[in-house]
Protein backbone atom coordinates (compact mmCIF):
# COMPACT_ATOMS: atom_id res chain seq x y z
CA UNK A 1 3.27 27.05 -0.14
CA UNK A 2 1.20 23.93 -0.96
CA UNK A 3 1.13 20.30 0.00
CA UNK A 4 1.55 18.36 -3.23
CA UNK A 5 3.33 15.20 -2.13
CA UNK A 6 3.33 13.12 1.03
CA UNK A 7 5.07 9.80 1.65
CA UNK A 8 4.03 6.69 3.47
CA UNK A 9 6.49 3.85 4.00
CA UNK A 10 5.40 0.42 2.78
CA UNK A 11 7.20 -2.87 3.31
CA UNK A 12 6.38 -3.97 -0.26
CA UNK A 13 5.57 -1.49 -3.02
CA UNK A 14 3.56 -3.95 -5.16
CA UNK A 15 1.49 -5.06 -2.18
CA UNK A 16 1.05 -1.41 -1.18
CA UNK A 17 -0.11 -0.42 -4.65
CA UNK A 18 -2.65 -3.23 -4.66
CA UNK A 19 -4.03 -2.28 -1.24
CA UNK A 20 -4.18 1.47 -1.84
CA UNK A 21 -5.80 1.11 -5.28
CA UNK A 22 -7.89 -2.07 -5.18
CA UNK A 23 -9.01 -1.82 -1.54
CA UNK A 24 -8.94 1.85 -0.54
CA UNK A 25 -9.85 3.04 -4.04
CA UNK A 26 -7.03 5.45 -4.83
CA UNK A 27 -5.86 5.80 -8.44
CA UNK A 28 -2.36 5.10 -9.70
CA UNK A 29 -0.68 8.35 -10.70
CA UNK A 30 2.99 7.50 -11.35
CA UNK A 31 4.92 4.24 -11.55
CA UNK A 32 8.50 4.97 -12.56
CA UNK A 33 11.30 2.38 -12.17
CA UNK A 34 14.10 3.69 -9.94
CA UNK A 35 16.66 0.88 -9.82
CA UNK A 36 15.57 -1.68 -7.25
CA UNK A 37 12.50 0.38 -6.29
CA UNK A 38 9.86 2.54 -8.00
CA UNK A 39 8.61 6.12 -7.78
CA UNK A 40 5.07 5.05 -7.03
CA UNK A 41 2.29 7.53 -6.33
CA UNK A 42 -1.47 7.36 -5.93
CA UNK A 43 -4.14 10.05 -5.85
CA UNK A 44 -7.65 10.25 -4.49
CA UNK A 45 -10.42 9.99 -7.10
CA UNK A 46 -12.28 12.55 -4.97
CA UNK A 47 -9.45 15.07 -4.72
CA UNK A 48 -7.13 17.04 -6.95
CA UNK A 49 -4.89 14.88 -9.18
CA UNK A 50 -1.80 16.86 -8.21
CA UNK A 51 -1.90 15.93 -4.50
CA UNK A 52 -0.10 12.60 -4.41
CA UNK A 53 0.70 9.94 -1.84
CA UNK A 54 4.08 8.28 -2.42
CA UNK A 55 4.26 4.60 -1.56
CA UNK A 56 7.83 4.83 -0.33
CA UNK A 57 9.95 1.67 -0.01
CA UNK A 58 10.79 0.94 3.60
CA UNK A 59 14.43 0.06 2.94
CA UNK A 60 16.02 2.48 5.41
CA UNK A 61 16.56 0.89 8.85
CA UNK A 62 15.57 4.14 10.58
CA UNK A 63 12.24 4.29 8.78
CA UNK A 64 11.63 0.63 9.52
CA UNK A 65 12.13 1.18 13.27
CA UNK A 66 9.89 4.28 13.17
CA UNK A 67 7.14 2.47 11.27
CA UNK A 68 7.27 -0.61 13.52
CA UNK A 69 7.24 1.52 16.69
CA UNK A 70 4.15 3.47 15.62
CA UNK A 71 2.36 0.28 14.64
CA UNK A 72 3.12 -1.44 17.95
CA UNK A 73 1.89 1.64 19.85
CA UNK A 74 -1.33 1.69 17.83
CA UNK A 75 -0.57 5.10 16.33
CA UNK A 76 -1.81 5.77 12.77
CA UNK A 77 0.81 7.04 10.33
CA UNK A 78 -1.76 9.22 8.54
CA UNK A 79 -5.50 9.87 8.24
CA UNK A 80 -7.96 9.96 5.36
CA UNK A 81 -11.31 11.74 5.49
CA UNK A 82 -14.44 9.89 4.40
CA UNK A 83 -18.01 11.10 3.90
CA UNK A 84 -19.70 8.16 5.66
CA UNK A 85 -17.41 6.28 8.03
CA UNK A 86 -19.90 3.54 8.87
CA UNK A 87 -20.47 2.72 5.19
CA UNK A 88 -16.71 2.80 4.50
CA UNK A 89 -16.05 0.59 7.52
CA UNK A 90 -18.61 -1.96 6.31
CA UNK A 91 -17.25 -1.86 2.74
CA UNK A 92 -13.66 -2.38 3.89
CA UNK A 93 -14.59 -5.10 6.42
CA UNK A 94 -16.33 -6.88 3.54
CA UNK A 95 -13.04 -6.80 1.64
CA UNK A 96 -11.23 -8.40 4.56
CA UNK A 97 -9.54 -5.27 5.94
CA UNK A 98 -8.41 -5.65 9.55
CA UNK A 99 -9.47 -2.84 11.88
CA UNK A 100 -7.83 -2.14 15.22
CA UNK A 101 -10.59 0.33 16.12
CA UNK A 102 -14.18 0.22 14.95
CA UNK A 103 -15.91 3.53 14.26
CA UNK A 104 -15.99 5.56 17.45
CA UNK A 105 -17.24 9.10 18.02
CA UNK A 106 -14.59 11.29 19.66
CA UNK A 107 -16.28 14.68 19.74
CA UNK A 108 -16.45 16.46 16.42
CA UNK A 109 -15.24 13.43 14.44
CA UNK A 110 -15.87 9.72 14.25
CA UNK A 111 -12.72 7.69 13.70
CA UNK A 112 -11.76 4.13 12.81
CA UNK A 113 -8.27 2.64 12.49
CA UNK A 114 -7.22 -0.03 10.00
CA UNK A 115 -4.08 -1.93 9.02
CA UNK A 116 -2.86 -1.30 5.48
CA UNK A 117 -1.11 -4.73 5.26
CA UNK A 118 2.17 -2.89 4.61
CA UNK A 119 3.20 -2.10 8.20
CA UNK A 120 1.00 0.93 8.88
CA UNK A 121 -2.11 1.84 10.75
CA UNK A 122 -4.36 4.30 8.91
CA UNK A 123 -7.03 6.41 10.58
CA UNK A 124 -10.26 7.10 8.76
CA UNK A 125 -12.36 9.99 10.00
CA UNK A 126 -15.69 11.62 9.33
CA UNK A 127 -16.38 15.12 10.57
CA UNK A 128 -19.63 14.83 12.52
CA UNK A 129 -20.08 18.32 13.98
């Protein structure tokens, strides 16, 4: 059993694609029209090309409530590992990314939390131990 595909809800797929590619640095993998929405996936340039993140349209009322609740509670929807969290924090701040938590050491990792502009909080982490 392998993880090949994971979804993240976005309130606007075009805005999500722009943020995840132009700001976070992921690469577009698939962009397939599906009626009103798209099958839209990105991959990490530092990881295997067959592990994809789906930028899922947030059209379902249940997913919208879930996403909004996590955001209001300050809970990240997912986490991405980085090699140098301070450098990544500075790079993203320079691009205008809003952080709800600056880099903070929490034991064996240092974490930071950012808003993806699409309704989600994303945790970045660097393993420090």
